[in-house]
Amino acid sequence: MTAVFSRRGVLGVGAVALGVGAAAGAPAAASGSVAAIDPVAAGAASASPAASASTPRVDPDRPVRSLFAGREGSTYTGSSQWSEHRLVLVEVGDLIVGGDPEHRFRVEFEVDAGARDGIYRLTQGGEHLATLFLVSVENGARLEGIVHREEAA
């Protein structure tokens, strides 16, 4: 019998991985129609010392809302395993869930043709700012990502 994987099925597996990863403190991917990757790399490097004063210094593998808030219209280079694209930040939005909005938010980027779902390494001025799992929305005209992370006190 041949296994058939649907997008919804794969996202369901991602939800299970998120729960197991959160319980174990291991890397996990968020689930839903759009998602963000939130790996906790051992010894993950923070942003380079050359970062400008206007860019908050955060671990690129653990993006926070303040990295994007108020920067609508900013252009990023998004590199995936397939290709590289120009991403323009359109919106930073809230999630319906409660908790700290710094670690629970959505981002939406306008993108050039040919971008597809995947893990994107966002850079600006050659500096790695964030790693996000972005999903195509609006018939491929935009990519959207969700960050929904529990932060230890």
Protein backbone atom coordinates (compact mmCIF):
# COMPACT_ATOMS: atom_id res chain seq x y z
CA MET A 1 0.00 0.00 0.00
CA THR A 2 1.35 3.43 -0.92
CA ALA A 3 1.32 6.15 1.74
CA VAL A 4 -0.30 9.43 0.73
CA PHE A 5 0.65 12.54 2.66
CA SER A 6 -1.68 15.51 2.63
CA ARG A 7 -0.66 18.99 3.69
CA ARG A 8 -3.12 18.79 6.61
CA GLY A 9 -1.65 15.44 7.69
CA VAL A 10 1.87 16.81 7.66
CA LEU A 11 0.76 19.84 9.68
CA GLY A 12 -0.94 17.48 12.15
CA VAL A 13 2.34 15.66 12.63
CA GLY A 14 3.94 19.07 13.17
CA ALA A 15 1.43 19.78 15.93
CA VAL A 16 2.38 16.56 17.68
CA ALA A 17 6.08 17.43 17.27
CA LEU A 18 5.41 20.86 18.77
CA GLY A 19 3.75 19.34 21.82
CA VAL A 20 6.45 16.75 22.33
CA GLY A 21 9.19 19.32 21.69
CA ALA A 22 7.67 21.81 24.13
CA ALA A 23 7.36 19.14 26.81
CA ALA A 24 10.92 17.95 26.27
CA GLY A 25 12.46 21.38 25.70
CA ALA A 26 13.65 20.26 22.26
CA PRO A 27 13.33 22.06 18.93
CA ALA A 28 9.82 22.04 17.54
CA ALA A 29 7.82 23.48 14.68
CA ALA A 30 4.49 25.22 15.20
CA SER A 31 1.38 23.89 13.53
CA GLY A 32 -1.62 25.33 11.76
CA SER A 33 -2.23 26.63 8.28
CA VAL A 34 0.80 28.83 8.75
CA ALA A 35 3.68 28.22 11.07
CA ALA A 36 7.04 29.39 12.26
CA ILE A 37 10.02 27.28 13.08
CA ASP A 38 11.46 27.72 16.54
CA PRO A 39 14.60 25.61 16.87
CA VAL A 40 16.59 25.88 20.08
CA ALA A 41 20.07 25.23 18.79
CA ALA A 42 22.66 24.39 21.40
CA GLY A 43 24.95 27.36 21.63
CA ALA A 44 23.01 29.26 18.98
CA ALA A 45 24.77 32.42 17.95
CA SER A 46 23.17 35.78 18.57
CA ALA A 47 23.08 38.59 16.03
CA SER A 48 26.48 39.93 15.04
CA PRO A 49 28.05 42.79 17.00
CA ALA A 50 27.80 44.88 13.84
CA ALA A 51 24.01 45.09 14.23
CA SER A 52 22.65 48.61 14.10
CA ALA A 53 21.19 50.24 17.18
CA SER A 54 17.71 50.17 15.58
CA THR A 55 17.76 46.38 15.20
CA PRO A 56 17.21 44.47 18.44
CA ARG A 57 19.82 41.82 19.19
CA VAL A 58 18.04 38.49 19.28
CA ASP A 59 18.83 34.89 18.52
CA PRO A 60 17.86 34.45 14.83
CA ASP A 61 16.46 31.00 15.65
CA ARG A 62 14.11 32.51 18.27
CA PRO A 63 12.62 35.58 16.55
CA VAL A 64 10.57 38.01 18.63
CA ARG A 65 7.89 40.52 17.71
CA SER A 66 10.09 43.57 18.37
CA LEU A 67 12.38 42.43 15.56
CA PHE A 68 9.56 43.18 13.08
CA ALA A 69 7.10 45.55 14.81
CA GLY A 70 7.15 49.05 13.35
CA ARG A 71 9.28 47.94 10.40
CA GLU A 72 6.48 47.44 7.89
CA GLY A 73 7.79 48.23 4.41
CA SER A 74 11.29 46.93 5.25
CA THR A 75 12.89 44.66 2.69
CA TYR A 76 14.55 41.36 3.62
CA THR A 77 16.30 38.70 1.61
CA GLY A 78 14.70 35.32 2.25
CA SER A 79 16.80 32.27 1.39
CA SER A 80 15.28 28.81 1.35
CA GLN A 81 16.69 25.51 0.21
CA TRP A 82 15.10 26.15 -3.20
CA SER A 83 15.84 29.77 -3.94
CA GLU A 84 16.29 33.31 -2.71
CA HIS A 85 13.54 35.94 -2.71
CA ARG A 86 12.97 39.57 -1.92
CA LEU A 87 10.50 39.83 0.99
CA VAL A 88 8.79 43.08 1.96
CA LEU A 89 7.25 43.13 5.44
CA VAL A 90 3.56 43.97 5.06
CA GLU A 91 2.12 43.29 8.50
CA VAL A 92 2.94 42.20 12.03
CA GLY A 93 -0.25 40.92 13.64
CA ASP A 94 -1.60 39.48 16.85
CA LEU A 95 -2.63 35.91 17.54
CA ILE A 96 -5.96 35.16 19.16
CA VAL A 97 -4.28 33.24 21.99
CA GLY A 98 -3.27 34.92 25.23
CA GLY A 99 0.18 35.31 26.62
CA ASP A 100 3.19 37.45 25.87
CA PRO A 101 2.73 39.09 22.44
CA GLU A 102 6.52 39.38 22.09
CA HIS A 103 6.58 35.58 21.60
CA ARG A 104 3.14 35.13 19.96
CA PHE A 105 2.64 36.98 16.68
CA ARG A 106 2.27 36.61 12.93
CA VAL A 107 4.23 38.24 10.13
CA GLU A 108 3.23 38.65 6.50
CA PHE A 109 5.57 39.44 3.62
CA GLU A 110 4.89 40.46 0.03
CA VAL A 111 7.04 38.26 -2.18
CA ASP A 112 8.17 38.01 -5.77
CA ALA A 113 6.93 35.22 -8.03
CA GLY A 114 8.09 31.68 -7.44
CA ALA A 115 8.33 31.70 -3.63
CA ARG A 116 7.00 28.57 -1.99
CA ASP A 117 6.39 27.20 1.49
CA GLY A 118 9.53 26.49 3.42
CA ILE A 119 12.08 27.50 6.00
CA TYR A 120 13.51 30.91 5.17
CA ARG A 121 16.65 32.50 6.51
CA LEU A 122 15.89 36.25 6.62
CA THR A 123 18.80 38.60 6.18
CA GLN A 124 19.05 42.34 5.89
CA GLY A 125 22.28 44.07 4.97
CA GLY A 126 24.02 40.69 5.00
CA GLU A 127 23.07 40.05 8.64
CA HIS A 128 21.07 36.95 9.61
CA LEU A 129 18.05 38.30 11.53
CA ALA A 130 15.59 35.42 11.75
CA THR A 131 14.74 31.92 10.61
CA LEU A 132 11.04 31.35 9.94
CA PHE A 133 8.81 28.73 8.36
CA LEU A 134 6.75 30.72 5.86
CA VAL A 135 3.65 29.53 4.04
CA SER A 136 2.24 30.90 0.80
CA VAL A 137 -1.02 32.87 1.15
CA GLU A 138 -3.11 35.00 -1.21
CA ASN A 139 -2.39 32.78 -4.22
CA GLY A 140 1.36 32.97 -3.74
CA ALA A 141 1.56 36.77 -3.57
CA ARG A 142 2.52 36.68 0.10
CA LEU A 143 4.28 34.48 2.62
CA GLU A 144 3.07 34.29 6.20
CA GLY A 145 4.66 32.95 9.36
CA ILE A 146 3.46 32.39 12.92
CA VAL A 147 5.59 32.49 16.04
CA HIS A 148 3.85 30.94 19.04
CA ARG A 149 6.36 30.13 21.73
CA GLU A 150 6.16 29.60 25.48
CA GLU A 151 8.90 31.51 27.26
CA ALA A 152 10.33 30.43 30.59
CA ALA A 153 10.02 33.08 33.29
